[in-house]
Amino acid sequence: MHPHTVHEIPETDLLRRAQSGNREALEQLIMLHEHRIFTLALRMTGNVADAQDAYRRP
């Protein structure tokens, strides 16, 4: 892992890196937004178990 923390790298740079196939950047984006992602999965599925299944980290 690079010495930069999630908060040191601008989100736009993480997005560009993730779009280019950088898995570490994608994982950092997911960590930044994991609560939102899970909440969306919960609203879409209607229950916690299904939301947890839908929200699997890559």
C-alpha atoms as a PDB file:
ATOM      1  CA  MET A   1       0.000   0.000   0.000  1.00  0.00           C
ATOM      2  CA  HIS A   2       1.174   3.506  -0.709  1.00  0.00           C
ATOM      3  CA  PRO A   3       2.155   5.763   2.182  1.00  0.00           C
ATOM      4  CA  HIS A   4      -0.823   8.043   1.461  1.00  0.00           C
ATOM      5  CA  THR A   5      -3.957   7.578   3.499  1.00  0.00           C
ATOM      6  CA  VAL A   6      -7.429   7.633   1.996  1.00  0.00           C
ATOM      7  CA  HIS A   7      -7.906  11.240   3.081  1.00  0.00           C
ATOM      8  CA  GLU A   8      -4.685  12.496   1.472  1.00  0.00           C
ATOM      9  CA  ILE A   9      -5.624  11.482  -2.061  1.00  0.00           C
ATOM     10  CA  PRO A  10      -8.351  13.606  -3.660  1.00  0.00           C
ATOM     11  CA  GLU A  11     -11.449  11.613  -4.514  1.00  0.00           C
ATOM     12  CA  THR A  12     -11.235  12.681  -8.164  1.00  0.00           C
ATOM     13  CA  ASP A  13      -7.772  11.092  -8.363  1.00  0.00           C
ATOM     14  CA  LEU A  14      -9.084   7.911  -6.751  1.00  0.00           C
ATOM     15  CA  LEU A  15     -11.914   7.833  -9.298  1.00  0.00           C
ATOM     16  CA  ARG A  16      -9.513   8.193 -12.209  1.00  0.00           C
ATOM     17  CA  ARG A  17      -7.236   5.496 -10.824  1.00  0.00           C
ATOM     18  CA  ALA A  18     -10.141   3.126 -10.184  1.00  0.00           C
ATOM     19  CA  GLN A  19     -11.470   3.680 -13.712  1.00  0.00           C
ATOM     20  CA  SER A  20      -8.019   2.764 -15.016  1.00  0.00           C
ATOM     21  CA  GLY A  21      -8.193  -0.549 -13.195  1.00  0.00           C
ATOM     22  CA  ASN A  22      -6.384   0.336  -9.966  1.00  0.00           C
ATOM     23  CA  ARG A  23      -7.957  -2.012  -7.433  1.00  0.00           C
ATOM     24  CA  GLU A  24      -6.434  -0.237  -4.428  1.00  0.00           C
ATOM     25  CA  ALA A  25      -8.080   3.032  -5.503  1.00  0.00           C
ATOM     26  CA  LEU A  26     -11.416   1.240  -5.880  1.00  0.00           C
ATOM     27  CA  GLU A  27     -11.092  -0.236  -2.407  1.00  0.00           C
ATOM     28  CA  GLN A  28     -10.315   3.206  -0.976  1.00  0.00           C
ATOM     29  CA  LEU A  29     -13.398   4.656  -2.670  1.00  0.00           C
ATOM     30  CA  ILE A  30     -15.519   1.854  -1.251  1.00  0.00           C
ATOM     31  CA  MET A  31     -14.136   2.518   2.236  1.00  0.00           C
ATOM     32  CA  LEU A  32     -14.952   6.211   1.870  1.00  0.00           C
ATOM     33  CA  HIS A  33     -18.538   5.454   0.892  1.00  0.00           C
ATOM     34  CA  GLU A  34     -19.271   2.100   2.538  1.00  0.00           C
ATOM     35  CA  HIS A  35     -22.080   3.438   4.727  1.00  0.00           C
ATOM     36  CA  ARG A  36     -23.841   4.992   1.722  1.00  0.00           C
ATOM     37  CA  ILE A  37     -23.354   1.843  -0.348  1.00  0.00           C
ATOM     38  CA  PHE A  38     -24.772  -0.392   2.380  1.00  0.00           C
ATOM     39  CA  THR A  39     -27.686   1.978   3.011  1.00  0.00           C
ATOM     40  CA  LEU A  40     -28.545   1.929  -0.683  1.00  0.00           C
ATOM     41  CA  ALA A  41     -28.341  -1.879  -0.751  1.00  0.00           C
ATOM     42  CA  LEU A  42     -30.603  -2.015   2.300  1.00  0.00           C
ATOM     43  CA  ARG A  43     -33.203   0.269   0.704  1.00  0.00           C
ATOM     44  CA  MET A  44     -33.110  -1.747  -2.507  1.00  0.00           C
ATOM     45  CA  THR A  45     -33.404  -5.174  -0.877  1.00  0.00           C
ATOM     46  CA  GLY A  46     -35.568  -4.364   2.126  1.00  0.00           C
ATOM     47  CA  ASN A  47     -33.678  -6.475   4.657  1.00  0.00           C
ATOM     48  CA  VAL A  48     -30.268  -6.594   6.298  1.00  0.00           C
ATOM     49  CA  ALA A  49     -29.266 -10.111   5.207  1.00  0.00           C
ATOM     50  CA  ASP A  50     -29.916  -9.412   1.528  1.00  0.00           C
ATOM     51  CA  ALA A  51     -28.218  -6.019   1.794  1.00  0.00           C
ATOM     52  CA  GLN A  52     -25.146  -7.682   3.282  1.00  0.00           C
ATOM     53  CA  ASP A  53     -25.113 -10.167   0.403  1.00  0.00           C
ATOM     54  CA  ALA A  54     -25.462  -7.343  -2.125  1.00  0.00           C
ATOM     55  CA  TYR A  55     -22.759  -5.291  -0.424  1.00  0.00           C
ATOM     56  CA  ARG A  56     -19.750  -7.474  -0.777  1.00  0.00           C
ATOM     57  CA  ARG A  57     -16.423  -5.802  -0.971  1.00  0.00           C
ATOM     58  CA  PRO A  58     -14.502  -6.582  -4.156  1.00  0.00           C
END
